[in-house]
Protein backbone atom coordinates (compact mmCIF):
# COMPACT_ATOMS: atom_id res chain seq x y z
CA MET A 1 -5.71 53.83 42.68
CA THR A 2 -7.31 51.26 40.10
CA SER A 3 -9.21 52.47 37.15
CA ASN A 4 -12.41 52.22 39.03
CA GLY A 5 -10.97 54.39 41.81
CA LEU A 6 -9.67 53.96 45.41
CA THR A 7 -10.93 50.87 47.71
CA ILE A 8 -12.04 52.36 51.09
CA ALA A 9 -8.86 51.28 52.63
CA ASP A 10 -6.87 53.12 50.16
CA ALA A 11 -9.14 56.28 50.65
CA ALA A 12 -8.66 55.91 54.57
CA GLU A 13 -4.96 55.81 54.12
CA ARG A 14 -4.79 58.71 51.69
CA THR A 15 -7.15 61.01 53.99
CA GLY A 16 -5.88 59.76 57.36
CA LEU A 17 -9.56 58.76 58.42
CA THR A 18 -10.60 55.44 59.47
CA ALA A 19 -12.77 53.33 57.15
CA HIS A 20 -15.38 53.61 59.83
CA THR A 21 -15.27 57.18 59.64
CA LEU A 22 -15.78 57.18 55.71
CA ARG A 23 -18.74 54.97 55.98
CA TYR A 24 -20.08 57.13 58.76
CA TYR A 25 -19.80 60.17 56.39
CA GLU A 26 -21.45 58.47 53.69
CA ARG A 27 -24.54 56.98 55.88
CA ASP A 28 -24.81 60.54 57.57
CA GLY A 29 -25.25 62.28 54.31
CA LEU A 30 -22.09 64.18 54.34
CA MET A 31 -20.53 62.59 51.17
CA LEU A 32 -21.68 63.77 47.70
CA GLY A 33 -22.10 60.10 46.39
CA VAL A 34 -19.43 57.59 46.69
CA SER A 35 -19.57 55.23 43.41
CA ARG A 36 -19.69 51.59 43.96
CA ALA A 37 -17.92 48.61 41.89
CA GLY A 38 -19.96 45.98 40.40
CA SER A 39 -19.09 44.00 43.65
CA GLY A 40 -20.99 46.71 45.62
CA HIS A 41 -17.41 47.96 47.19
CA ARG A 42 -17.09 51.70 47.54
CA ARG A 43 -14.71 53.50 44.92
CA TYR A 44 -13.35 56.86 45.81
CA THR A 45 -12.28 59.38 43.22
CA GLU A 46 -9.79 62.26 43.48
CA GLN A 47 -13.01 64.31 43.77
CA ASP A 48 -14.26 62.23 46.63
CA LEU A 49 -10.79 62.77 48.32
CA GLY A 50 -10.91 66.59 47.86
CA TRP A 51 -14.58 66.70 49.33
CA ILE A 52 -13.25 64.68 52.21
CA GLU A 53 -10.62 67.02 52.70
CA LEU A 54 -12.93 69.94 52.90
CA ILE A 55 -15.48 68.30 55.21
CA THR A 56 -12.59 67.40 57.59
CA LYS A 57 -11.57 71.06 57.59
CA LEU A 58 -15.09 72.07 58.31
CA ARG A 59 -15.12 69.80 61.26
CA ALA A 60 -11.96 70.57 62.44
CA THR A 61 -12.78 74.28 62.74
CA GLY A 62 -16.03 73.46 64.55
CA MET A 63 -18.67 73.47 61.76
CA PRO A 64 -21.63 71.26 63.29
CA ILE A 65 -22.41 68.10 61.48
CA ARG A 66 -25.98 69.36 60.64
CA GLU A 67 -24.52 72.27 58.88
CA ILE A 68 -22.00 70.07 56.97
CA ARG A 69 -24.85 67.93 55.98
CA ARG A 70 -26.86 70.86 54.74
CA TYR A 71 -24.01 72.10 52.75
CA ALA A 72 -23.72 68.79 51.06
CA GLN A 73 -27.38 68.75 50.26
CA LEU A 74 -26.90 72.03 48.83
CA VAL A 75 -23.93 70.83 46.47
CA ARG A 76 -25.78 67.57 45.63
CA ALA A 77 -28.98 69.82 44.47
CA GLY A 78 -26.78 71.40 41.87
CA ALA A 79 -27.07 75.14 40.72
CA ASP A 80 -29.17 77.97 41.89
CA ASN A 81 -28.42 77.53 45.66
CA GLU A 82 -24.98 79.22 45.57
CA ARG A 83 -26.35 82.04 47.89
CA GLU A 84 -27.29 79.73 50.46
CA ARG A 85 -24.01 77.69 50.33
CA LEU A 86 -22.29 81.25 50.51
CA GLU A 87 -24.09 82.09 53.47
CA LEU A 88 -23.59 78.84 55.31
CA LEU A 89 -19.72 79.22 54.80
CA ALA A 90 -19.83 82.90 55.59
CA THR A 91 -21.40 82.29 58.87
CA HIS A 92 -19.10 79.64 59.70
CA ARG A 93 -16.07 81.62 58.67
CA GLU A 94 -17.08 84.50 61.14
CA ARG A 95 -17.49 81.90 64.02
CA VAL A 96 -13.93 80.75 63.27
CA ARG A 97 -12.46 84.15 63.16
CA GLN A 98 -14.04 84.94 66.60
CA ARG A 99 -12.74 81.76 68.11
CA LEU A 100 -9.35 82.78 66.45
CA ALA A 101 -9.38 86.10 67.96
CA GLU A 102 -10.25 84.51 71.34
CA VAL A 103 -7.40 82.35 70.96
CA THR A 104 -4.90 84.99 70.09
CA GLU A 105 -6.04 86.99 73.14
CA HIS A 106 -5.37 83.80 75.48
CA LEU A 107 -2.02 83.23 73.74
CA GLU A 108 -1.11 86.78 74.43
CA ALA A 109 -1.82 86.18 77.88
CA ILE A 110 0.20 83.27 78.05
CA ASP A 111 3.14 85.06 76.40
CA ARG A 112 2.99 87.75 79.15
CA LYS A 113 3.12 85.10 81.76
CA ILE A 114 6.21 83.45 80.00
CA ASP A 115 7.86 86.54 79.65
CA TYR A 116 7.34 87.35 83.18
CA TYR A 117 8.66 84.15 84.44
CA ALA A 118 11.63 84.39 82.31
CA SER A 119 12.48 87.57 83.46
CA VAL A 120 12.42 86.49 87.02
CA ILE A 121 14.37 83.40 86.51
CA ASP A 122 17.01 85.52 84.58
CA THR A 123 17.48 88.08 87.24
CA CYS A 124 17.74 85.12 89.93
CA ASP A 125 20.07 82.70 87.90
CA PRO A 126 23.57 83.72 87.44
CA ASP A 127 24.23 81.38 84.65
CA ALA A 128 21.18 82.78 82.76
CA ALA A 129 23.34 84.88 80.78
CA LEU A 130 25.19 81.86 79.57
CA SER A 131 22.03 79.81 78.49
CA ALA A 132 19.76 82.98 77.46
CA PRO A 133 21.78 86.13 76.63
CA HIS A 134 18.58 87.31 74.58
CA ARG A 135 16.59 87.22 77.97
CA VAL A 136 19.18 88.99 79.86
CA ALA A 137 19.10 91.96 77.32
CA ASP A 138 15.37 91.85 77.02
CA ALA A 139 15.09 92.17 80.90
CA ASP A 140 17.67 94.97 80.75
CA ARG A 141 15.53 97.06 78.44
CA ARG A 142 12.58 96.98 80.73
């Protein structure tokens, strides 16, 4: 990082995003305000990278762009809107928790099928005790 901040290429490398994505984030109002060098080139700070990390996590957990944009607008506006920020994040957290519960339920169904097929294979395969003794022991307990 130079004393003026990271270039867009450096920021892209650090965040794992492309320069195109970083430009899109800025153009679409998701960034808080990336400073510019005298040449007009973007210069990213550690604070900018932290913000990018947050919005990347929000996107990865399914927050719509319009909500991230609204959250960024609220942050840029400064104090006295913390309640609205809290509500936005709390609503998103509840959606994430609901999706997590659904995925956990699906995973449990997959685990049950895996256990079933493992026990079927263990009872049919005379060499199963050599390759997976824990499965035979588990099947014997059933």
